[in-house]
């Protein structure tokens, strides 16, 4: 369930840029590598923290705090 939500989150975020081709390329790359990233997060005990970072980013975007959201993605 986390993988699917994470996948949708990142693709929707990219879609905001209006570059459909970029969304396709990233979707393909994420599909090919998704299991590797999840295992690393889980082993490092960062799965919950990673999910919270996504929530924080979305909150900043909804609040119109673009510069802070940009910093959150770096």
PDB file of N, CA and C in Angstrom:
ATOM      1  N   UNK A   1       0.827  -1.188   0.000  1.00  0.00           N
ATOM      2  CA  UNK A   1       0.000   0.000   0.000  1.00  0.00           C
ATOM      3  C   UNK A   1       0.876   1.259   0.000  1.00  0.00           C
ATOM      4  N   UNK A   2       1.937   1.240   0.801  1.00  0.00           N
ATOM      5  CA  UNK A   2       2.831   2.397   0.839  1.00  0.00           C
ATOM      6  C   UNK A   2       3.456   2.645  -0.531  1.00  0.00           C
ATOM      7  N   UNK A   3       3.902   1.582  -1.175  1.00  0.00           N
ATOM      8  CA  UNK A   3       4.540   1.734  -2.486  1.00  0.00           C
ATOM      9  C   UNK A   3       3.619   2.406  -3.488  1.00  0.00           C
ATOM     10  N   UNK A   4       2.368   1.989  -3.525  1.00  0.00           N
ATOM     11  CA  UNK A   4       1.420   2.567  -4.477  1.00  0.00           C
ATOM     12  C   UNK A   4       1.163   4.039  -4.172  1.00  0.00           C
ATOM     13  N   UNK A   5       0.986   4.370  -2.905  1.00  0.00           N
ATOM     14  CA  UNK A   5       0.756   5.767  -2.522  1.00  0.00           C
ATOM     15  C   UNK A   5       1.975   6.627  -2.839  1.00  0.00           C
ATOM     16  N   UNK A   6       3.159   6.104  -2.568  1.00  0.00           N
ATOM     17  CA  UNK A   6       4.392   6.832  -2.857  1.00  0.00           C
ATOM     18  C   UNK A   6       4.545   7.048  -4.360  1.00  0.00           C
ATOM     19  N   UNK A   7       4.246   6.028  -5.119  1.00  0.00           N
ATOM     20  CA  UNK A   7       4.320   6.106  -6.582  1.00  0.00           C
ATOM     21  C   UNK A   7       3.387   7.204  -7.106  1.00  0.00           C
ATOM     22  N   UNK A   8       2.143   7.177  -6.671  1.00  0.00           N
ATOM     23  CA  UNK A   8       1.162   8.179  -7.116  1.00  0.00           C
ATOM     24  C   UNK A   8       1.574   9.583  -6.687  1.00  0.00           C
ATOM     25  N   UNK A   9       2.050   9.710  -5.447  1.00  0.00           N
ATOM     26  CA  UNK A   9       2.456  11.016  -4.931  1.00  0.00           C
ATOM     27  C   UNK A   9       3.510  11.648  -5.832  1.00  0.00           C
ATOM     28  N   UNK A  10       4.557  10.906  -6.127  1.00  0.00           N
ATOM     29  CA  UNK A  10       5.659  11.460  -6.915  1.00  0.00           C
ATOM     30  C   UNK A  10       5.253  11.753  -8.355  1.00  0.00           C
ATOM     31  N   UNK A  11       4.436  10.912  -8.931  1.00  0.00           N
ATOM     32  CA  UNK A  11       4.010  11.168 -10.310  1.00  0.00           C
ATOM     33  C   UNK A  11       3.083  12.375 -10.390  1.00  0.00           C
ATOM     34  N   UNK A  12       2.201  12.530  -9.426  1.00  0.00           N
ATOM     35  CA  UNK A  12       1.317  13.701  -9.408  1.00  0.00           C
ATOM     36  C   UNK A  12       2.125  14.975  -9.189  1.00  0.00           C
ATOM     37  N   UNK A  13       3.134  14.901  -8.349  1.00  0.00           N
ATOM     38  CA  UNK A  13       4.007  16.044  -8.116  1.00  0.00           C
ATOM     39  C   UNK A  13       4.708  16.447  -9.412  1.00  0.00           C
ATOM     40  N   UNK A  14       5.218  15.476 -10.136  1.00  0.00           N
ATOM     41  CA  UNK A  14       5.857  15.759 -11.425  1.00  0.00           C
ATOM     42  C   UNK A  14       4.861  16.298 -12.441  1.00  0.00           C
ATOM     43  N   UNK A  15       3.646  15.785 -12.414  1.00  0.00           N
ATOM     44  CA  UNK A  15       2.625  16.221 -13.368  1.00  0.00           C
ATOM     45  C   UNK A  15       2.332  17.711 -13.221  1.00  0.00           C
ATOM     46  N   UNK A  16       2.522  18.251 -12.034  1.00  0.00           N
ATOM     47  CA  UNK A  16       2.293  19.681 -11.820  1.00  0.00           C
ATOM     48  C   UNK A  16       3.210  20.536 -12.686  1.00  0.00           C
ATOM     49  N   UNK A  17       4.347  19.982 -13.080  1.00  0.00           N
ATOM     50  CA  UNK A  17       5.284  20.711 -13.935  1.00  0.00           C
ATOM     51  C   UNK A  17       4.812  20.758 -15.384  1.00  0.00           C
ATOM     52  N   UNK A  18       3.831  19.922 -15.727  1.00  0.00           N
ATOM     53  CA  UNK A  18       3.268  19.945 -17.070  1.00  0.00           C
ATOM     54  C   UNK A  18       4.074  19.210 -18.122  1.00  0.00           C
ATOM     55  N   UNK A  19       5.023  18.388 -17.717  1.00  0.00           N
ATOM     56  CA  UNK A  19       5.861  17.664 -18.669  1.00  0.00           C
ATOM     57  C   UNK A  19       5.447  16.190 -18.660  1.00  0.00           C
ATOM     58  N   UNK A  20       4.542  15.834 -19.558  1.00  0.00           N
ATOM     59  CA  UNK A  20       4.000  14.472 -19.596  1.00  0.00           C
ATOM     60  C   UNK A  20       5.085  13.430 -19.872  1.00  0.00           C
ATOM     61  N   UNK A  21       6.028  13.762 -20.711  1.00  0.00           N
ATOM     62  CA  UNK A  21       7.105  12.812 -21.038  1.00  0.00           C
ATOM     63  C   UNK A  21       7.956  12.505 -19.803  1.00  0.00           C
ATOM     64  N   UNK A  22       8.240  13.526 -19.019  1.00  0.00           N
ATOM     65  CA  UNK A  22       9.006  13.324 -17.794  1.00  0.00           C
ATOM     66  C   UNK A  22       8.258  12.395 -16.841  1.00  0.00           C
ATOM     67  N   UNK A  23       6.952  12.564 -16.744  1.00  0.00           N
ATOM     68  CA  UNK A  23       6.139  11.694 -15.890  1.00  0.00           C
ATOM     69  C   UNK A  23       6.256  10.248 -16.357  1.00  0.00           C
ATOM     70  N   UNK A  24       6.205  10.026 -17.666  1.00  0.00           N
ATOM     71  CA  UNK A  24       6.317   8.664 -18.209  1.00  0.00           C
ATOM     72  C   UNK A  24       7.677   8.044 -17.894  1.00  0.00           C
ATOM     73  N   UNK A  25       8.733   8.823 -18.082  1.00  0.00           N
ATOM     74  CA  UNK A  25      10.089   8.316 -17.851  1.00  0.00           C
ATOM     75  C   UNK A  25      10.279   7.964 -16.374  1.00  0.00           C
ATOM     76  N   UNK A  26       9.864   8.854 -15.504  1.00  0.00           N
ATOM     77  CA  UNK A  26      10.022   8.609 -14.073  1.00  0.00           C
ATOM     78  C   UNK A  26       9.157   7.435 -13.627  1.00  0.00           C
ATOM     79  N   UNK A  27       7.949   7.328 -14.169  1.00  0.00           N
ATOM     80  CA  UNK A  27       7.074   6.195 -13.826  1.00  0.00           C
ATOM     81  C   UNK A  27       7.754   4.882 -14.186  1.00  0.00           C
ATOM     82  N   UNK A  28       8.378   4.846 -15.351  1.00  0.00           N
ATOM     83  CA  UNK A  28       9.071   3.630 -15.773  1.00  0.00           C
ATOM     84  C   UNK A  28      10.254   3.320 -14.853  1.00  0.00           C
ATOM     85  N   UNK A  29      11.046   4.331 -14.538  1.00  0.00           N
ATOM     86  CA  UNK A  29      12.201   4.124 -13.657  1.00  0.00           C
ATOM     87  C   UNK A  29      11.775   3.675 -12.264  1.00  0.00           C
ATOM     88  N   UNK A  30      10.722   4.282 -11.744  1.00  0.00           N
ATOM     89  CA  UNK A  30      10.251   3.904 -10.405  1.00  0.00           C
ATOM     90  C   UNK A  30       9.714   2.479 -10.404  1.00  0.00           C
ATOM     91  N   UNK A  31       9.050   2.102 -11.485  1.00  0.00           N
ATOM     92  CA  UNK A  31       8.522   0.742 -11.576  1.00  0.00           C
ATOM     93  C   UNK A  31       9.664  -0.273 -11.555  1.00  0.00           C
ATOM     94  N   UNK A  32      10.742   0.055 -12.230  1.00  0.00           N
ATOM     95  CA  UNK A  32      11.881  -0.859 -12.307  1.00  0.00           C
ATOM     96  C   UNK A  32      12.663  -0.950 -10.994  1.00  0.00           C
ATOM     97  N   UNK A  33      12.638   0.105 -10.206  1.00  0.00           N
ATOM     98  CA  UNK A  33      13.501   0.147  -9.022  1.00  0.00           C
ATOM     99  C   UNK A  33      12.752   0.200  -7.695  1.00  0.00           C
ATOM    100  N   UNK A  34      11.452   0.137  -7.701  1.00  0.00           N
ATOM    101  CA  UNK A  34      10.666   0.389  -6.486  1.00  0.00           C
ATOM    102  C   UNK A  34      10.992  -0.527  -5.318  1.00  0.00           C
ATOM    103  N   UNK A  35      11.249  -1.783  -5.550  1.00  0.00           N
ATOM    104  CA  UNK A  35      11.483  -2.698  -4.438  1.00  0.00           C
ATOM    105  C   UNK A  35      12.813  -2.451  -3.745  1.00  0.00           C
ATOM    106  N   UNK A  36      13.791  -1.965  -4.487  1.00  0.00           N
ATOM    107  CA  UNK A  36      15.098  -1.703  -3.892  1.00  0.00           C
ATOM    108  C   UNK A  36      15.014  -0.574  -2.875  1.00  0.00           C
ATOM    109  N   UNK A  37      14.329   0.496  -3.224  1.00  0.00           N
ATOM    110  CA  UNK A  37      14.212   1.652  -2.332  1.00  0.00           C
ATOM    111  C   UNK A  37      13.445   1.346  -1.069  1.00  0.00           C
ATOM    112  N   UNK A  38      12.378   0.591  -1.179  1.00  0.00           N
ATOM    113  CA  UNK A  38      11.567   0.272  -0.008  1.00  0.00           C
ATOM    114  C   UNK A  38      12.364  -0.549   0.993  1.00  0.00           C
ATOM    115  N   UNK A  39      13.104  -1.519   0.515  1.00  0.00           N
ATOM    116  CA  UNK A  39      13.913  -2.339   1.407  1.00  0.00           C
ATOM    117  C   UNK A  39      14.937  -1.510   2.156  1.00  0.00           C
ATOM    118  N   UNK A  40      15.556  -0.574   1.469  1.00  0.00           N
ATOM    119  CA  UNK A  40      16.555   0.287   2.104  1.00  0.00           C
ATOM    120  C   UNK A  40      15.935   1.143   3.193  1.00  0.00           C
ATOM    121  N   UNK A  41      14.772   1.726   2.899  1.00  0.00           N
ATOM    122  CA  UNK A  41      14.089   2.553   3.895  1.00  0.00           C
ATOM    123  C   UNK A  41      13.687   1.727   5.105  1.00  0.00           C
ATOM    124  N   UNK A  42      13.151   0.554   4.851  1.00  0.00           N
ATOM    125  CA  UNK A  42      12.690  -0.303   5.939  1.00  0.00           C
ATOM    126  C   UNK A  42      13.858  -0.756   6.808  1.00  0.00           C
ATOM    127  N   UNK A  43      14.950  -1.172   6.170  1.00  0.00           N
ATOM    128  CA  UNK A  43      16.120  -1.638   6.917  1.00  0.00           C
ATOM    129  C   UNK A  43      16.729  -0.519   7.752  1.00  0.00           C
ATOM    130  N   UNK A  44      16.690   0.690   7.242  1.00  0.00           N
ATOM    131  CA  UNK A  44      17.268   1.822   7.966  1.00  0.00           C
ATOM    132  C   UNK A  44      16.294   2.383   9.004  1.00  0.00           C
ATOM    133  N   UNK A  45      15.095   1.822   9.088  1.00  0.00           N
ATOM    134  CA  UNK A  45      14.100   2.313  10.027  1.00  0.00           C
ATOM    135  C   UNK A  45      13.539   3.667   9.643  1.00  0.00           C
ATOM    136  N   UNK A  46      13.548   3.988   8.347  1.00  0.00           N
ATOM    137  CA  UNK A  46      13.140   5.310   7.873  1.00  0.00           C
ATOM    138  C   UNK A  46      11.804   5.325   7.144  1.00  0.00           C
ATOM    139  N   UNK A  47      11.102   4.227   7.116  1.00  0.00           N
ATOM    140  CA  UNK A  47       9.858   4.169   6.351  1.00  0.00           C
ATOM    141  C   UNK A  47       8.837   5.175   6.874  1.00  0.00           C
ATOM    142  N   UNK A  48       8.637   5.228   8.176  1.00  0.00           N
ATOM    143  CA  UNK A  48       7.679   6.170   8.762  1.00  0.00           C
ATOM    144  C   UNK A  48       8.159   7.604   8.567  1.00  0.00           C
ATOM    145  N   UNK A  49       9.445   7.841   8.759  1.00  0.00           N
ATOM    146  CA  UNK A  49       9.993   9.187   8.576  1.00  0.00           C
ATOM    147  C   UNK A  49       9.842   9.640   7.131  1.00  0.00           C
ATOM    148  N   UNK A  50      10.044   8.742   6.193  1.00  0.00           N
ATOM    149  CA  UNK A  50       9.887   9.073   4.780  1.00  0.00           C
ATOM    150  C   UNK A  50       8.446   9.466   4.471  1.00  0.00           C
ATOM    151  N   UNK A  51       7.504   8.721   5.013  1.00  0.00           N
ATOM    152  CA  UNK A  51       6.090   9.050   4.806  1.00  0.00           C
ATOM    153  C   UNK A  51       5.774  10.421   5.392  1.00  0.00           C
ATOM    154  N   UNK A  52       6.331  10.734   6.554  1.00  0.00           N
ATOM    155  CA  UNK A  52       6.089  12.039   7.179  1.00  0.00           C
ATOM    156  C   UNK A  52       6.677  13.165   6.338  1.00  0.00           C
ATOM    157  N   UNK A  53       7.828  12.939   5.720  1.00  0.00           N
ATOM    158  CA  UNK A  53       8.423  13.944   4.843  1.00  0.00           C
ATOM    159  C   UNK A  53       7.492  14.258   3.679  1.00  0.00           C
ATOM    160  N   UNK A  54       6.813  13.243   3.166  1.00  0.00           N
ATOM    161  CA  UNK A  54       5.862  13.454   2.079  1.00  0.00           C
ATOM    162  C   UNK A  54       4.683  14.309   2.554  1.00  0.00           C
ATOM    163  N   UNK A  55       4.190  14.028   3.746  1.00  0.00           N
ATOM    164  CA  UNK A  55       3.079  14.806   4.315  1.00  0.00           C
ATOM    165  C   UNK A  55       3.517  16.254   4.522  1.00  0.00           C
ATOM    166  N   UNK A  56       4.703  16.453   5.052  1.00  0.00           N
ATOM    167  CA  UNK A  56       5.218  17.803   5.281  1.00  0.00           C
ATOM    168  C   UNK A  56       5.333  18.574   3.969  1.00  0.00           C
ATOM    169  N   UNK A  57       5.835  17.924   2.934  1.00  0.00           N
ATOM    170  CA  UNK A  57       5.965  18.553   1.625  1.00  0.00           C
ATOM    171  C   UNK A  57       4.601  18.967   1.088  1.00  0.00           C
ATOM    172  N   UNK A  58       3.654  18.077   1.157  1.00  0.00           N
ATOM    173  CA  UNK A  58       2.310  18.378   0.672  1.00  0.00           C
ATOM    174  C   UNK A  58       1.695  19.534   1.454  1.00  0.00           C
ATOM    175  N   UNK A  59       1.875  19.558   2.762  1.00  0.00           N
ATOM    176  CA  UNK A  59       1.363  20.661   3.587  1.00  0.00           C
ATOM    177  C   UNK A  59       1.951  21.994   3.148  1.00  0.00           C
ATOM    178  N   UNK A  60       3.248  22.025   2.883  1.00  0.00           N
ATOM    179  CA  UNK A  60       3.892  23.253   2.422  1.00  0.00           C
ATOM    180  C   UNK A  60       3.329  23.699   1.076  1.00  0.00           C
ATOM    181  N   UNK A  61       3.119  22.761   0.179  1.00  0.00           N
ATOM    182  CA  UNK A  61       2.586  23.097  -1.143  1.00  0.00           C
ATOM    183  C   UNK A  61       1.167  23.643  -1.039  1.00  0.00           C
ATOM    184  N   UNK A  62       0.338  23.004  -0.251  1.00  0.00           N
ATOM    185  CA  UNK A  62      -1.049  23.444  -0.082  1.00  0.00           C
ATOM    186  C   UNK A  62      -1.092  24.837   0.549  1.00  0.00           C
ATOM    187  N   UNK A  63      -0.150  25.124   1.442  1.00  0.00           N
ATOM    188  CA  UNK A  63      -0.097  26.420   2.110  1.00  0.00           C
ATOM    189  C   UNK A  63       0.510  27.502   1.222  1.00  0.00           C
ATOM    190  N   UNK A  64       0.946  27.131   0.014  1.00  0.00           N
ATOM    191  CA  UNK A  64       1.524  28.107  -0.897  1.00  0.00           C
ATOM    192  C   UNK A  64       2.938  28.519  -0.529  1.00  0.00           C
ATOM    193  N   UNK A  65       3.624  27.693   0.211  1.00  0.00           N
ATOM    194  CA  UNK A  65       4.985  27.990   0.647  1.00  0.00           C
ATOM    195  C   UNK A  65       5.975  27.257  -0.257  1.00  0.00           C
ATOM    196  N   UNK A  66       6.002  27.716  -1.510  1.00  0.00           N
ATOM    197  CA  UNK A  66       6.770  27.052  -2.555  1.00  0.00           C
ATOM    198  C   UNK A  66       8.258  26.951  -2.294  1.00  0.00           C
ATOM    199  N   UNK A  67       8.851  28.025  -1.796  1.00  0.00           N
ATOM    200  CA  UNK A  67      10.302  27.995  -1.551  1.00  0.00           C
ATOM    201  C   UNK A  67      10.659  26.958  -0.490  1.00  0.00           C
ATOM    202  N   UNK A  68       9.844  26.880   0.551  1.00  0.00           N
ATOM    203  CA  UNK A  68      10.102  25.886   1.592  1.00  0.00           C
ATOM    204  C   UNK A  68       9.868  24.474   1.060  1.00  0.00           C
ATOM    205  N   UNK A  69       8.856  24.319   0.209  1.00  0.00           N
ATOM    206  CA  UNK A  69       8.591  23.013  -0.400  1.00  0.00           C
ATOM    207  C   UNK A  69       9.769  22.601  -1.277  1.00  0.00           C
ATOM    208  N   UNK A  70      10.295  23.566  -2.024  1.00  0.00           N
ATOM    209  CA  UNK A  70      11.456  23.281  -2.872  1.00  0.00           C
ATOM    210  C   UNK A  70      12.633  22.814  -2.025  1.00  0.00           C
ATOM    211  N   UNK A  71      12.871  23.484  -0.917  1.00  0.00           N
ATOM    212  CA  UNK A  71      13.954  23.094  -0.021  1.00  0.00           C
ATOM    213  C   UNK A  71      13.746  21.711   0.566  1.00  0.00           C
ATOM    214  N   UNK A  72      12.498  21.367   0.784  1.00  0.00           N
ATOM    215  CA  UNK A  72      12.149  20.060   1.337  1.00  0.00           C
ATOM    216  C   UNK A  72      12.501  18.932   0.357  1.00  0.00           C
ATOM    217  N   UNK A  73      12.486  19.241  -0.921  1.00  0.00           N
ATOM    218  CA  UNK A  73      12.741  18.221  -1.941  1.00  0.00           C
ATOM    219  C   UNK A  73      14.222  18.070  -2.254  1.00  0.00           C
ATOM    220  N   UNK A  74      15.058  18.880  -1.684  1.00  0.00           N
ATOM    221  CA  UNK A  74      16.506  18.800  -1.971  1.00  0.00           C
ATOM    222  C   UNK A  74      17.205  17.870  -1.037  1.00  0.00           C
TER     223      UNK A  74
END
